Amino acid sequence: MARGKNPYLSEVEARVPVKPYTLEVRPDGPTLTIDPADLPDEGIGLPGSIMAALVRAGVEIEHTCGGVCACSTCHVYVREGLKSCGEATEEEEDMLDGAPALLPVSRLACQTVPDGTQKVVVQIPSWNRNAVREGH
């Protein structure tokens, strides 16, 4: 699948995982094992991103901009393993400023690539889950 690109942002060099790790989706999503030999790269978000893993697993999450860090609809809370995700770029932080219910553990799923050193637990905010389930 062809990856979209935001022409206003510089390329992001994300650390990729070096060993398998677990990605748990709360409150009622799957628990995934992410293998660095088969990183999710679904053409949405950065290769190996939480967004790519969710899309591959069939988890519905809003991503209006196609995963190019141009909106905040893929906003998630990283409840565990945040240190393994690297720091948010200034561009990601700018997009998060427009997200409702922002918390210190807020990240954009399209820009967050865990490095595999810790289990990662993400929570899709209830306002996003409701929008997906109701078909808005």
N, C-alpha and C. Protein backbone atom coordinates (compact mmCIF):
# COMPACT_ATOMS: atom_id res chain seq x y z
N MET A 1 0.85 -1.17 0.00
CA MET A 1 0.00 0.00 0.00
C MET A 1 0.89 1.23 0.00
N ALA A 2 0.58 2.21 -0.78
CA ALA A 2 1.37 3.43 -0.85
C ALA A 2 1.15 4.27 0.41
N ARG A 3 2.24 4.74 0.96
CA ARG A 3 2.19 5.53 2.18
C ARG A 3 2.00 7.00 1.81
N GLY A 4 1.07 7.64 2.51
CA GLY A 4 0.91 9.06 2.33
C GLY A 4 2.04 9.80 3.03
N LYS A 5 2.24 11.02 2.67
CA LYS A 5 3.30 11.81 3.26
C LYS A 5 2.80 13.23 3.48
N ASN A 6 3.13 13.79 4.62
CA ASN A 6 2.81 15.16 4.92
C ASN A 6 3.97 16.02 4.41
N PRO A 7 3.75 16.82 3.38
CA PRO A 7 4.85 17.58 2.78
C PRO A 7 5.41 18.67 3.69
N TYR A 8 4.75 18.98 4.77
CA TYR A 8 5.19 20.03 5.67
C TYR A 8 6.07 19.52 6.81
N LEU A 9 6.24 18.21 6.90
CA LEU A 9 7.03 17.62 7.98
C LEU A 9 8.30 16.99 7.45
N SER A 10 9.33 17.01 8.25
CA SER A 10 10.57 16.32 7.89
C SER A 10 10.41 14.84 8.18
N GLU A 11 11.25 14.02 7.56
CA GLU A 11 11.20 12.58 7.78
C GLU A 11 11.51 12.25 9.24
N VAL A 12 10.78 11.31 9.81
CA VAL A 12 10.99 10.89 11.19
C VAL A 12 11.76 9.58 11.17
N GLU A 13 12.85 9.55 11.90
CA GLU A 13 13.63 8.32 12.05
C GLU A 13 13.21 7.65 13.34
N ALA A 14 12.35 6.66 13.26
CA ALA A 14 11.88 5.97 14.45
C ALA A 14 12.76 4.77 14.75
N ARG A 15 12.98 4.54 16.03
CA ARG A 15 13.67 3.31 16.43
C ARG A 15 12.71 2.17 16.19
N VAL A 16 13.22 1.10 15.65
CA VAL A 16 12.37 -0.06 15.44
C VAL A 16 12.69 -1.11 16.50
N PRO A 17 11.74 -1.99 16.78
CA PRO A 17 11.98 -3.00 17.81
C PRO A 17 13.11 -3.96 17.41
N VAL A 18 13.83 -4.41 18.41
CA VAL A 18 14.90 -5.37 18.19
C VAL A 18 14.53 -6.76 18.67
N LYS A 19 13.43 -6.85 19.42
CA LYS A 19 12.94 -8.15 19.88
C LYS A 19 11.42 -8.09 19.96
N PRO A 20 10.77 -9.24 19.95
CA PRO A 20 9.31 -9.24 20.02
C PRO A 20 8.81 -8.59 21.31
N TYR A 21 7.66 -7.95 21.21
CA TYR A 21 7.03 -7.36 22.39
C TYR A 21 5.53 -7.51 22.29
N THR A 22 4.86 -7.26 23.40
CA THR A 22 3.41 -7.39 23.47
C THR A 22 2.77 -6.01 23.42
N LEU A 23 1.73 -5.89 22.60
CA LEU A 23 0.94 -4.67 22.51
C LEU A 23 -0.48 -5.03 22.91
N GLU A 24 -0.91 -4.51 24.05
CA GLU A 24 -2.26 -4.77 24.55
C GLU A 24 -3.13 -3.55 24.30
N VAL A 25 -4.33 -3.78 23.76
CA VAL A 25 -5.26 -2.69 23.45
C VAL A 25 -6.40 -2.75 24.45
N ARG A 26 -6.58 -1.68 25.20
CA ARG A 26 -7.66 -1.60 26.19
C ARG A 26 -8.72 -0.63 25.70
N PRO A 27 -9.95 -0.78 26.10
CA PRO A 27 -10.41 -1.67 27.14
C PRO A 27 -10.78 -3.06 26.67
N ASP A 28 -11.13 -3.24 25.41
CA ASP A 28 -11.63 -4.54 24.99
C ASP A 28 -11.01 -5.03 23.69
N GLY A 29 -9.80 -4.55 23.41
CA GLY A 29 -9.14 -4.95 22.18
C GLY A 29 -8.26 -6.16 22.38
N PRO A 30 -7.57 -6.55 21.33
CA PRO A 30 -6.72 -7.74 21.40
C PRO A 30 -5.39 -7.46 22.08
N THR A 31 -4.69 -8.53 22.39
CA THR A 31 -3.30 -8.45 22.82
C THR A 31 -2.48 -9.04 21.68
N LEU A 32 -1.59 -8.23 21.14
CA LEU A 32 -0.82 -8.60 19.96
C LEU A 32 0.63 -8.86 20.32
N THR A 33 1.27 -9.78 19.61
CA THR A 33 2.71 -9.95 19.71
C THR A 33 3.30 -9.35 18.45
N ILE A 34 4.16 -8.37 18.63
CA ILE A 34 4.78 -7.69 17.51
C ILE A 34 6.17 -8.28 17.32
N ASP A 35 6.42 -8.83 16.15
CA ASP A 35 7.68 -9.48 15.81
C ASP A 35 8.50 -8.55 14.92
N PRO A 36 9.73 -8.18 15.33
CA PRO A 36 10.52 -7.28 14.50
C PRO A 36 10.85 -7.85 13.12
N ALA A 37 10.77 -9.16 12.97
CA ALA A 37 11.02 -9.77 11.66
C ALA A 37 9.83 -9.56 10.72
N ASP A 38 8.68 -9.19 11.26
CA ASP A 38 7.48 -8.96 10.46
C ASP A 38 6.76 -7.72 10.98
N LEU A 39 7.45 -6.58 10.96
CA LEU A 39 6.88 -5.34 11.49
C LEU A 39 5.65 -4.93 10.70
N PRO A 40 4.62 -4.49 11.40
CA PRO A 40 3.45 -3.99 10.67
C PRO A 40 3.81 -2.73 9.90
N ASP A 41 3.52 -2.73 8.63
CA ASP A 41 3.72 -1.56 7.77
C ASP A 41 2.57 -1.58 6.78
N GLU A 42 1.45 -1.06 7.22
CA GLU A 42 0.23 -1.14 6.43
C GLU A 42 0.01 0.10 5.57
N GLY A 43 1.04 0.92 5.42
CA GLY A 43 0.89 2.13 4.61
C GLY A 43 0.19 3.25 5.34
N ILE A 44 -0.06 3.07 6.63
CA ILE A 44 -0.72 4.08 7.45
C ILE A 44 0.16 4.30 8.67
N GLY A 45 0.66 5.50 8.83
CA GLY A 45 1.55 5.79 9.94
C GLY A 45 2.96 5.32 9.63
N LEU A 46 3.84 5.51 10.60
CA LEU A 46 5.22 5.07 10.44
C LEU A 46 5.30 3.55 10.45
N PRO A 47 6.23 2.95 9.72
CA PRO A 47 6.40 1.49 9.79
C PRO A 47 6.66 1.06 11.24
N GLY A 48 5.95 0.05 11.69
CA GLY A 48 6.09 -0.43 13.05
C GLY A 48 5.33 0.36 14.08
N SER A 49 4.55 1.34 13.63
CA SER A 49 3.80 2.19 14.57
C SER A 49 2.64 1.43 15.21
N ILE A 50 2.16 1.98 16.30
CA ILE A 50 0.98 1.42 16.95
C ILE A 50 -0.18 1.42 15.96
N MET A 51 -0.31 2.47 15.17
CA MET A 51 -1.38 2.54 14.16
C MET A 51 -1.27 1.39 13.17
N ALA A 52 -0.07 1.14 12.65
CA ALA A 52 0.11 0.05 11.68
C ALA A 52 -0.26 -1.29 12.30
N ALA A 53 0.11 -1.50 13.57
CA ALA A 53 -0.23 -2.75 14.26
C ALA A 53 -1.73 -2.89 14.44
N LEU A 54 -2.40 -1.79 14.82
CA LEU A 54 -3.85 -1.83 15.02
C LEU A 54 -4.58 -2.11 13.71
N VAL A 55 -4.15 -1.45 12.64
CA VAL A 55 -4.79 -1.67 11.33
C VAL A 55 -4.59 -3.11 10.89
N ARG A 56 -3.38 -3.64 11.03
CA ARG A 56 -3.12 -5.03 10.64
C ARG A 56 -4.01 -6.00 11.42
N ALA A 57 -4.23 -5.70 12.70
CA ALA A 57 -5.03 -6.59 13.56
C ALA A 57 -6.53 -6.38 13.38
N GLY A 58 -6.94 -5.41 12.57
CA GLY A 58 -8.36 -5.17 12.36
C GLY A 58 -9.02 -4.35 13.44
N VAL A 59 -8.23 -3.67 14.27
CA VAL A 59 -8.79 -2.82 15.32
C VAL A 59 -9.18 -1.49 14.66
N GLU A 60 -10.42 -1.11 14.83
CA GLU A 60 -10.89 0.13 14.22
C GLU A 60 -10.47 1.30 15.09
N ILE A 61 -9.74 2.21 14.46
CA ILE A 61 -9.35 3.45 15.12
C ILE A 61 -9.37 4.54 14.06
N GLU A 62 -9.90 5.67 14.43
CA GLU A 62 -10.00 6.78 13.50
C GLU A 62 -8.60 7.23 13.07
N HIS A 63 -8.44 7.55 11.79
CA HIS A 63 -7.18 8.11 11.27
C HIS A 63 -7.51 8.94 10.03
N THR A 64 -8.13 10.07 10.28
CA THR A 64 -8.65 10.92 9.23
C THR A 64 -7.60 11.34 8.22
N CYS A 65 -6.37 11.63 8.67
CA CYS A 65 -5.34 12.13 7.76
C CYS A 65 -4.58 11.01 7.07
N GLY A 66 -4.92 9.77 7.35
CA GLY A 66 -4.21 8.66 6.74
C GLY A 66 -2.90 8.33 7.42
N GLY A 67 -2.71 8.85 8.62
CA GLY A 67 -1.51 8.51 9.39
C GLY A 67 -0.29 9.33 9.04
N VAL A 68 -0.48 10.58 8.63
CA VAL A 68 0.66 11.41 8.24
C VAL A 68 0.91 12.56 9.22
N CYS A 69 0.40 12.44 10.43
CA CYS A 69 0.63 13.45 11.48
C CYS A 69 0.05 14.80 11.07
N ALA A 70 -1.18 14.77 10.54
CA ALA A 70 -1.84 16.01 10.14
C ALA A 70 -3.17 16.21 10.85
N CYS A 71 -3.45 15.40 11.86
CA CYS A 71 -4.66 15.54 12.66
C CYS A 71 -4.39 14.88 14.01
N SER A 72 -5.40 14.72 14.81
CA SER A 72 -5.21 14.07 16.11
C SER A 72 -6.23 12.95 16.34
N THR A 73 -6.83 12.45 15.26
CA THR A 73 -7.90 11.47 15.44
C THR A 73 -7.41 10.10 15.88
N CYS A 74 -6.11 9.81 15.74
CA CYS A 74 -5.60 8.51 16.20
C CYS A 74 -4.98 8.61 17.59
N HIS A 75 -5.39 9.63 18.33
CA HIS A 75 -4.93 9.86 19.70
C HIS A 75 -5.20 8.65 20.57
N VAL A 76 -4.16 8.16 21.25
CA VAL A 76 -4.28 7.06 22.20
C VAL A 76 -3.57 7.44 23.48
N TYR A 77 -3.87 6.70 24.55
CA TYR A 77 -3.15 6.82 25.81
C TYR A 77 -2.21 5.63 25.90
N VAL A 78 -0.93 5.86 26.11
CA VAL A 78 0.02 4.77 26.31
C VAL A 78 0.11 4.56 27.82
N ARG A 79 -0.63 3.58 28.31
CA ARG A 79 -0.76 3.34 29.75
C ARG A 79 0.44 2.61 30.34
N GLU A 80 1.12 1.80 29.54
CA GLU A 80 2.34 1.11 29.96
C GLU A 80 3.32 1.10 28.80
N GLY A 81 4.61 1.20 29.11
CA GLY A 81 5.62 1.10 28.08
C GLY A 81 5.91 2.39 27.33
N LEU A 82 5.51 3.53 27.89
CA LEU A 82 5.71 4.80 27.20
C LEU A 82 7.19 5.09 26.95
N LYS A 83 8.05 4.70 27.89
CA LYS A 83 9.49 4.96 27.71
C LYS A 83 10.06 4.22 26.51
N SER A 84 9.45 3.12 26.12
CA SER A 84 9.94 2.36 24.97
C SER A 84 9.50 2.98 23.64
N CYS A 85 8.69 4.02 23.69
CA CYS A 85 8.13 4.62 22.48
C CYS A 85 8.90 5.83 21.98
N GLY A 86 9.94 6.21 22.63
CA GLY A 86 10.67 7.40 22.20
C GLY A 86 9.86 8.64 22.49
N GLU A 87 10.47 9.79 22.27
CA GLU A 87 9.78 11.05 22.54
C GLU A 87 8.98 11.50 21.33
N ALA A 88 7.90 12.19 21.61
CA ALA A 88 7.08 12.77 20.54
C ALA A 88 7.87 13.89 19.87
N THR A 89 7.72 14.00 18.56
CA THR A 89 8.33 15.12 17.84
C THR A 89 7.53 16.38 18.13
N GLU A 90 8.10 17.50 17.78
CA GLU A 90 7.39 18.77 17.95
C GLU A 90 6.11 18.79 17.11
N GLU A 91 6.18 18.20 15.91
CA GLU A 91 5.00 18.14 15.04
C GLU A 91 3.90 17.30 15.67
N GLU A 92 4.27 16.17 16.27
CA GLU A 92 3.27 15.34 16.94
C GLU A 92 2.64 16.09 18.11
N GLU A 93 3.46 16.76 18.89
CA GLU A 93 2.93 17.54 20.02
C GLU A 93 1.99 18.64 19.55
N ASP A 94 2.33 19.27 18.42
CA ASP A 94 1.45 20.30 17.86
C ASP A 94 0.09 19.72 17.50
N MET A 95 0.07 18.53 16.90
CA MET A 95 -1.19 17.88 16.53
C MET A 95 -1.96 17.46 17.78
N LEU A 96 -1.25 16.97 18.78
CA LEU A 96 -1.92 16.56 20.02
C LEU A 96 -2.60 17.73 20.73
N ASP A 97 -2.09 18.93 20.52
CA ASP A 97 -2.72 20.11 21.14
C ASP A 97 -4.18 20.23 20.75
N GLY A 98 -4.57 19.67 19.61
CA GLY A 98 -5.96 19.73 19.17
C GLY A 98 -6.80 18.54 19.60
N ALA A 99 -6.21 17.61 20.32
CA ALA A 99 -6.94 16.40 20.74
C ALA A 99 -7.74 16.67 22.01
N PRO A 100 -8.95 16.13 22.08
CA PRO A 100 -9.72 16.25 23.32
C PRO A 100 -9.14 15.33 24.39
N ALA A 101 -9.34 15.68 25.64
CA ALA A 101 -8.98 14.85 26.79
C ALA A 101 -7.50 14.49 26.80
N LEU A 102 -6.66 15.45 26.52
CA LEU A 102 -5.22 15.25 26.48
C LEU A 102 -4.68 14.91 27.87
N LEU A 103 -3.80 13.91 27.93
CA LEU A 103 -3.15 13.49 29.17
C LEU A 103 -1.64 13.45 28.94
N PRO A 104 -0.84 13.39 30.00
CA PRO A 104 0.61 13.27 29.83
C PRO A 104 1.04 12.02 29.06
N VAL A 105 0.18 11.00 29.00
CA VAL A 105 0.50 9.75 28.29
C VAL A 105 -0.14 9.70 26.90
N SER A 106 -0.61 10.85 26.40
CA SER A 106 -1.23 10.92 25.08
C SER A 106 -0.17 10.85 23.99
N ARG A 107 -0.47 10.08 22.96
CA ARG A 107 0.39 10.00 21.76
C ARG A 107 -0.50 9.80 20.55
N LEU A 108 0.05 10.08 19.37
CA LEU A 108 -0.62 9.74 18.12
C LEU A 108 -0.18 8.34 17.74
N ALA A 109 -1.12 7.46 17.53
CA ALA A 109 -0.79 6.07 17.20
C ALA A 109 0.02 5.98 15.91
N CYS A 110 -0.20 6.91 14.99
CA CYS A 110 0.50 6.86 13.70
C CYS A 110 1.98 7.21 13.82
N GLN A 111 2.35 7.90 14.89
CA GLN A 111 3.73 8.38 15.04
C GLN A 111 4.49 7.64 16.14
N THR A 112 3.83 6.75 16.85
CA THR A 112 4.43 6.09 18.00
C THR A 112 4.90 4.69 17.63
N VAL A 113 6.23 4.51 17.67
CA VAL A 113 6.84 3.23 17.31
C VAL A 113 7.57 2.69 18.54
N PRO A 114 7.02 1.68 19.21
CA PRO A 114 7.72 1.09 20.35
C PRO A 114 9.02 0.41 19.91
N ASP A 115 10.03 0.46 20.77
CA ASP A 115 11.32 -0.13 20.40
C ASP A 115 11.47 -1.59 20.83
N GLY A 116 10.43 -2.16 21.46
CA GLY A 116 10.45 -3.58 21.81
C GLY A 116 11.05 -3.90 23.16
N THR A 117 11.45 -2.90 23.93
CA THR A 117 12.09 -3.18 25.22
C THR A 117 11.10 -3.39 26.35
N GLN A 118 9.82 -3.06 26.13
CA GLN A 118 8.80 -3.20 27.16
C GLN A 118 7.47 -3.60 26.54
N LYS A 119 6.64 -4.21 27.36
CA LYS A 119 5.25 -4.43 26.97
C LYS A 119 4.61 -3.05 26.85
N VAL A 120 3.74 -2.89 25.85
CA VAL A 120 3.04 -1.63 25.63
C VAL A 120 1.54 -1.87 25.78
N VAL A 121 0.92 -1.02 26.58
CA VAL A 121 -0.53 -1.07 26.76
C VAL A 121 -1.09 0.27 26.31
N VAL A 122 -1.98 0.24 25.32
CA VAL A 122 -2.62 1.46 24.85
C VAL A 122 -4.10 1.41 25.13
N GLN A 123 -4.65 2.56 25.37
CA GLN A 123 -6.09 2.71 25.56
C GLN A 123 -6.59 3.66 24.50
N ILE A 124 -7.58 3.22 23.76
CA ILE A 124 -8.23 4.11 22.80
C ILE A 124 -9.28 4.89 23.59
N PRO A 125 -9.18 6.22 23.59
CA PRO A 125 -10.13 7.02 24.38
C PRO A 125 -11.58 6.71 24.02
N SER A 126 -12.45 6.81 25.01
CA SER A 126 -13.85 6.44 24.81
C SER A 126 -14.51 7.27 23.72
N TRP A 127 -14.17 8.54 23.58
CA TRP A 127 -14.78 9.36 22.54
C TRP A 127 -14.43 8.84 21.16
N ASN A 128 -13.26 8.26 21.00
CA ASN A 128 -12.85 7.69 19.71
C ASN A 128 -13.52 6.34 19.48
N ARG A 129 -13.56 5.50 20.52
CA ARG A 129 -14.23 4.20 20.39
C ARG A 129 -15.70 4.39 20.04
N ASN A 130 -16.35 5.34 20.68
CA ASN A 130 -17.77 5.58 20.41
C ASN A 130 -17.99 6.04 18.98
N ALA A 131 -17.12 6.91 18.48
CA ALA A 131 -17.27 7.40 17.11
C ALA A 131 -17.13 6.27 16.12
N VAL A 132 -16.19 5.36 16.36
CA VAL A 132 -15.99 4.22 15.46
C VAL A 132 -17.19 3.29 15.51
N ARG A 133 -17.64 2.97 16.70
CA ARG A 133 -18.74 2.01 16.84
C ARG A 133 -20.06 2.53 16.29
N GLU A 134 -20.25 3.83 16.38
CA GLU A 134 -21.52 4.40 15.91
C GLU A 134 -21.50 4.75 14.44
N GLY A 135 -20.33 4.57 13.79
CA GLY A 135 -20.25 4.80 12.36
C GLY A 135 -20.25 6.25 11.93
N HIS A 136 -19.79 7.14 12.80
CA HIS A 136 -19.73 8.57 12.46
C HIS A 136 -18.55 8.87 11.60
